[in-house]
PDB file of N, CA and C in Angstrom:
ATOM      1  N   MET A   1      32.973   3.868 -33.722  1.00  0.00           N
ATOM      2  CA  MET A   1      32.563   3.543 -32.379  1.00  0.00           C
ATOM      3  C   MET A   1      33.645   3.953 -31.382  1.00  0.00           C
ATOM      4  N   THR A   2      34.882   3.700 -31.752  1.00  0.00           N
ATOM      5  CA  THR A   2      35.986   4.070 -30.867  1.00  0.00           C
ATOM      6  C   THR A   2      36.025   5.580 -30.666  1.00  0.00           C
ATOM      7  N   SER A   3      35.808   6.343 -31.730  1.00  0.00           N
ATOM      8  CA  SER A   3      35.778   7.808 -31.613  1.00  0.00           C
ATOM      9  C   SER A   3      34.677   8.247 -30.671  1.00  0.00           C
ATOM     10  N   TYR A   4      33.522   7.633 -30.830  1.00  0.00           N
ATOM     11  CA  TYR A   4      32.390   7.965 -29.967  1.00  0.00           C
ATOM     12  C   TYR A   4      32.747   7.716 -28.506  1.00  0.00           C
ATOM     13  N   LEU A   5      33.317   6.572 -28.227  1.00  0.00           N
ATOM     14  CA  LEU A   5      33.661   6.242 -26.843  1.00  0.00           C
ATOM     15  C   LEU A   5      34.724   7.188 -26.284  1.00  0.00           C
ATOM     16  N   ASN A   6      35.700   7.558 -27.125  1.00  0.00           N
ATOM     17  CA  ASN A   6      36.756   8.461 -26.670  1.00  0.00           C
ATOM     18  C   ASN A   6      36.268   9.886 -26.474  1.00  0.00           C
ATOM     19  N   ASN A   7      35.395  10.359 -27.368  1.00  0.00           N
ATOM     20  CA  ASN A   7      34.951  11.746 -27.317  1.00  0.00           C
ATOM     21  C   ASN A   7      33.799  11.969 -26.343  1.00  0.00           C
ATOM     22  N   VAL A   8      32.809  11.091 -26.376  1.00  0.00           N
ATOM     23  CA  VAL A   8      31.611  11.293 -25.560  1.00  0.00           C
ATOM     24  C   VAL A   8      31.791  10.742 -24.149  1.00  0.00           C
ATOM     25  N   LYS A   9      32.505   9.656 -24.047  1.00  0.00           N
ATOM     26  CA  LYS A   9      32.708   8.983 -22.759  1.00  0.00           C
ATOM     27  C   LYS A   9      31.374   8.732 -22.043  1.00  0.00           C
ATOM     28  N   PRO A  10      30.530   7.894 -22.665  1.00  0.00           N
ATOM     29  CA  PRO A  10      29.201   7.657 -22.086  1.00  0.00           C
ATOM     30  C   PRO A  10      29.294   7.032 -20.698  1.00  0.00           C
ATOM     31  N   VAL A  11      28.377   7.455 -19.846  1.00  0.00           N
ATOM     32  CA  VAL A  11      28.379   6.984 -18.466  1.00  0.00           C
ATOM     33  C   VAL A  11      27.595   5.677 -18.328  1.00  0.00           C
ATOM     34  N   LYS A  12      26.554   5.552 -19.119  1.00  0.00           N
ATOM     35  CA  LYS A  12      25.683   4.381 -19.016  1.00  0.00           C
ATOM     36  C   LYS A  12      25.943   3.410 -20.165  1.00  0.00           C
ATOM     37  N   ALA A  13      25.800   2.153 -19.869  1.00  0.00           N
ATOM     38  CA  ALA A  13      25.956   1.112 -20.895  1.00  0.00           C
ATOM     39  C   ALA A  13      24.874   1.234 -21.959  1.00  0.00           C
ATOM     40  N   GLU A  14      23.694   1.739 -21.561  1.00  0.00           N
ATOM     41  CA  GLU A  14      22.594   1.897 -22.509  1.00  0.00           C
ATOM     42  C   GLU A  14      22.959   2.841 -23.647  1.00  0.00           C
ATOM     43  N   LEU A  15      23.754   3.862 -23.345  1.00  0.00           N
ATOM     44  CA  LEU A  15      24.176   4.795 -24.387  1.00  0.00           C
ATOM     45  C   LEU A  15      25.118   4.128 -25.382  1.00  0.00           C
ATOM     46  N   VAL A  16      25.970   3.265 -24.907  1.00  0.00           N
ATOM     47  CA  VAL A  16      26.879   2.530 -25.784  1.00  0.00           C
ATOM     48  C   VAL A  16      26.084   1.584 -26.677  1.00  0.00           C
ATOM     49  N   VAL A  17      25.152   0.870 -26.078  1.00  0.00           N
ATOM     50  CA  VAL A  17      24.329  -0.067 -26.844  1.00  0.00           C
ATOM     51  C   VAL A  17      23.498   0.684 -27.869  1.00  0.00           C
ATOM     52  N   ASP A  18      22.942   1.820 -27.502  1.00  0.00           N
ATOM     53  CA  ASP A  18      22.151   2.616 -28.423  1.00  0.00           C
ATOM     54  C   ASP A  18      22.989   3.046 -29.624  1.00  0.00           C
ATOM     55  N   GLU A  19      24.200   3.476 -29.381  1.00  0.00           N
ATOM     56  CA  GLU A  19      25.086   3.883 -30.478  1.00  0.00           C
ATOM     57  C   GLU A  19      25.443   2.694 -31.363  1.00  0.00           C
ATOM     58  N   MET A  20      25.693   1.550 -30.754  1.00  0.00           N
ATOM     59  CA  MET A  20      26.011   0.343 -31.531  1.00  0.00           C
ATOM     60  C   MET A  20      24.840  -0.054 -32.415  1.00  0.00           C
ATOM     61  N   LEU A  21      23.628   0.012 -31.881  1.00  0.00           N
ATOM     62  CA  LEU A  21      22.439  -0.327 -32.672  1.00  0.00           C
ATOM     63  C   LEU A  21      22.230   0.671 -33.806  1.00  0.00           C
ATOM     64  N   ALA A  22      22.507   1.932 -33.551  1.00  0.00           N
ATOM     65  CA  ALA A  22      22.385   2.945 -34.597  1.00  0.00           C
ATOM     66  C   ALA A  22      23.373   2.680 -35.728  1.00  0.00           C
ATOM     67  N   ILE A  23      24.593   2.301 -35.369  1.00  0.00           N
ATOM     68  CA  ILE A  23      25.598   1.987 -36.385  1.00  0.00           C
ATOM     69  C   ILE A  23      25.168   0.774 -37.200  1.00  0.00           C
ATOM     70  N   CYS A  24      24.675  -0.260 -36.541  1.00  0.00           N
ATOM     71  CA  CYS A  24      24.205  -1.461 -37.247  1.00  0.00           C
ATOM     72  C   CYS A  24      23.048  -1.127 -38.181  1.00  0.00           C
ATOM     73  N   SER A  25      22.153  -0.269 -37.724  1.00  0.00           N
ATOM     74  CA  SER A  25      21.021   0.148 -38.546  1.00  0.00           C
ATOM     75  C   SER A  25      21.498   0.911 -39.784  1.00  0.00           C
ATOM     76  N   ASP A  26      22.466   1.797 -39.612  1.00  0.00           N
ATOM     77  CA  ASP A  26      23.016   2.548 -40.746  1.00  0.00           C
ATOM     78  C   ASP A  26      23.667   1.617 -41.761  1.00  0.00           C
ATOM     79  N   ILE A  27      24.397   0.633 -41.277  1.00  0.00           N
ATOM     80  CA  ILE A  27      25.061  -0.327 -42.171  1.00  0.00           C
ATOM     81  C   ILE A  27      24.022  -1.130 -42.944  1.00  0.00           C
ATOM     82  N   ALA A  28      22.981  -1.578 -42.268  1.00  0.00           N
ATOM     83  CA  ALA A  28      21.924  -2.353 -42.930  1.00  0.00           C
ATOM     84  C   ALA A  28      21.209  -1.499 -43.981  1.00  0.00           C
ATOM     85  N   ARG A  29      20.950  -0.245 -43.660  1.00  0.00           N
ATOM     86  CA  ARG A  29      20.296   0.658 -44.614  1.00  0.00           C
ATOM     87  C   ARG A  29      21.190   0.878 -45.832  1.00  0.00           C
ATOM     88  N   TRP A  30      22.506   1.024 -45.612  1.00  0.00           N
ATOM     89  CA  TRP A  30      23.441   1.215 -46.716  1.00  0.00           C
ATOM     90  C   TRP A  30      23.476  -0.025 -47.617  1.00  0.00           C
ATOM     91  N   ARG A  31      23.495  -1.216 -47.005  1.00  0.00           N
ATOM     92  CA  ARG A  31      23.493  -2.460 -47.793  1.00  0.00           C
ATOM     93  C   ARG A  31      22.225  -2.581 -48.618  1.00  0.00           C
ATOM     94  N   ASP A  32      21.073  -2.269 -48.018  1.00  0.00           N
ATOM     95  CA  ASP A  32      19.805  -2.333 -48.746  1.00  0.00           C
ATOM     96  C   ASP A  32      19.805  -1.367 -49.925  1.00  0.00           C
ATOM     97  N   LYS A  33      20.356  -0.180 -49.705  1.00  0.00           N
ATOM     98  CA  LYS A  33      20.419   0.818 -50.774  1.00  0.00           C
ATOM     99  C   LYS A  33      21.283   0.311 -51.924  1.00  0.00           C
ATOM    100  N   LYS A  34      22.443  -0.271 -51.601  1.00  0.00           N
ATOM    101  CA  LYS A  34      23.331  -0.781 -52.644  1.00  0.00           C
ATOM    102  C   LYS A  34      22.684  -1.934 -53.412  1.00  0.00           C
ATOM    103  N   GLU A  35      21.998  -2.829 -52.712  1.00  0.00           N
ATOM    104  CA  GLU A  35      21.298  -3.927 -53.376  1.00  0.00           C
ATOM    105  C   GLU A  35      20.221  -3.391 -54.303  1.00  0.00           C
ATOM    106  N   SER A  36      19.499  -2.385 -53.850  1.00  0.00           N
ATOM    107  CA  SER A  36      18.453  -1.777 -54.666  1.00  0.00           C
ATOM    108  C   SER A  36      19.041  -1.112 -55.906  1.00  0.00           C
ATOM    109  N   GLU A  37      20.163  -0.430 -55.743  1.00  0.00           N
ATOM    110  CA  GLU A  37      20.812   0.211 -56.880  1.00  0.00           C
ATOM    111  C   GLU A  37      21.271  -0.818 -57.908  1.00  0.00           C
ATOM    112  N   GLN A  38      21.826  -1.938 -57.441  1.00  0.00           N
ATOM    113  CA  GLN A  38      22.275  -2.985 -58.360  1.00  0.00           C
ATOM    114  C   GLN A  38      21.093  -3.606 -59.091  1.00  0.00           C
ATOM    115  N   ALA A  39      20.006  -3.858 -58.366  1.00  0.00           N
ATOM    116  CA  ALA A  39      18.814  -4.434 -59.001  1.00  0.00           C
ATOM    117  C   ALA A  39      18.242  -3.457 -60.022  1.00  0.00           C
ATOM    118  N   ASN A  40      18.237  -2.189 -59.691  1.00  0.00           N
ATOM    119  CA  ASN A  40      17.722  -1.187 -60.616  1.00  0.00           C
ATOM    120  C   ASN A  40      18.600  -1.096 -61.860  1.00  0.00           C
ATOM    121  N   ALA A  41      19.907  -1.170 -61.689  1.00  0.00           N
ATOM    122  CA  ALA A  41      20.816  -1.132 -62.841  1.00  0.00           C
ATOM    123  C   ALA A  41      20.578  -2.337 -63.750  1.00  0.00           C
ATOM    124  N   ARG A  42      20.409  -3.509 -63.162  1.00  0.00           N
ATOM    125  CA  ARG A  42      20.140  -4.714 -63.968  1.00  0.00           C
ATOM    126  C   ARG A  42      18.811  -4.598 -64.695  1.00  0.00           C
ATOM    127  N   TYR A  43      17.794  -4.085 -64.006  1.00  0.00           N
ATOM    128  CA  TYR A  43      16.478  -3.901 -64.614  1.00  0.00           C
ATOM    129  C   TYR A  43      16.573  -2.950 -65.810  1.00  0.00           C
ATOM    130  N   ASN A  44      17.337  -1.863 -65.647  1.00  0.00           N
ATOM    131  CA  ASN A  44      17.508  -0.925 -66.757  1.00  0.00           C
ATOM    132  C   ASN A  44      18.231  -1.562 -67.929  1.00  0.00           C
ATOM    133  N   GLU A  45      19.207  -2.430 -67.642  1.00  0.00           N
ATOM    134  CA  GLU A  45      19.884  -3.153 -68.720  1.00  0.00           C
ATOM    135  C   GLU A  45      18.903  -4.035 -69.472  1.00  0.00           C
ATOM    136  N   VAL A  46      18.042  -4.715 -68.758  1.00  0.00           N
ATOM    137  CA  VAL A  46      17.041  -5.572 -69.405  1.00  0.00           C
ATOM    138  C   VAL A  46      16.107  -4.737 -70.255  1.00  0.00           C
ATOM    139  N   LEU A  47      15.681  -3.607 -69.744  1.00  0.00           N
ATOM    140  CA  LEU A  47      14.803  -2.734 -70.528  1.00  0.00           C
ATOM    141  C   LEU A  47      15.487  -2.219 -71.782  1.00  0.00           C
ATOM    142  N   ASN A  48      16.764  -1.863 -71.662  1.00  0.00           N
ATOM    143  CA  ASN A  48      17.472  -1.278 -72.804  1.00  0.00           C
ATOM    144  C   ASN A  48      17.962  -2.293 -73.807  1.00  0.00           C
ATOM    145  N   PHE A  49      18.383  -3.467 -73.350  1.00  0.00           N
ATOM    146  CA  PHE A  49      19.026  -4.430 -74.240  1.00  0.00           C
ATOM    147  C   PHE A  49      18.302  -5.763 -74.348  1.00  0.00           C
ATOM    148  N   GLY A  50      17.271  -5.984 -73.571  1.00  0.00           N
ATOM    149  CA  GLY A  50      16.550  -7.254 -73.598  1.00  0.00           C
ATOM    150  C   GLY A  50      17.217  -8.293 -72.727  1.00  0.00           C
ATOM    151  N   LEU A  51      16.650  -9.492 -72.731  1.00  0.00           N
ATOM    152  CA  LEU A  51      17.143 -10.565 -71.861  1.00  0.00           C
ATOM    153  C   LEU A  51      18.306 -11.343 -72.450  1.00  0.00           C
ATOM    154  N   GLU A  52      18.504 -11.261 -73.760  1.00  0.00           N
ATOM    155  CA  GLU A  52      19.582 -12.019 -74.386  1.00  0.00           C
ATOM    156  C   GLU A  52      20.914 -11.295 -74.171  1.00  0.00           C
ATOM    157  N   ASP A  53      21.961 -12.061 -73.919  1.00  0.00           N
ATOM    158  CA  ASP A  53      23.290 -11.478 -73.730  1.00  0.00           C
ATOM    159  C   ASP A  53      23.971 -11.206 -75.035  1.00  0.00           C
TER     160      ASP A  53
END
């Protein structure tokens, strides 16, 4: 965000807010992807080894 503000130097507050929302959206998408990957890995373990530890 700091790089964006230094390089682009947005004139309107709406541009700053838009960039902040885009960053938040990217972070949320990344978290969802990681959660999905972990769930998929666990599911594959269950398929390969069963439910017993």
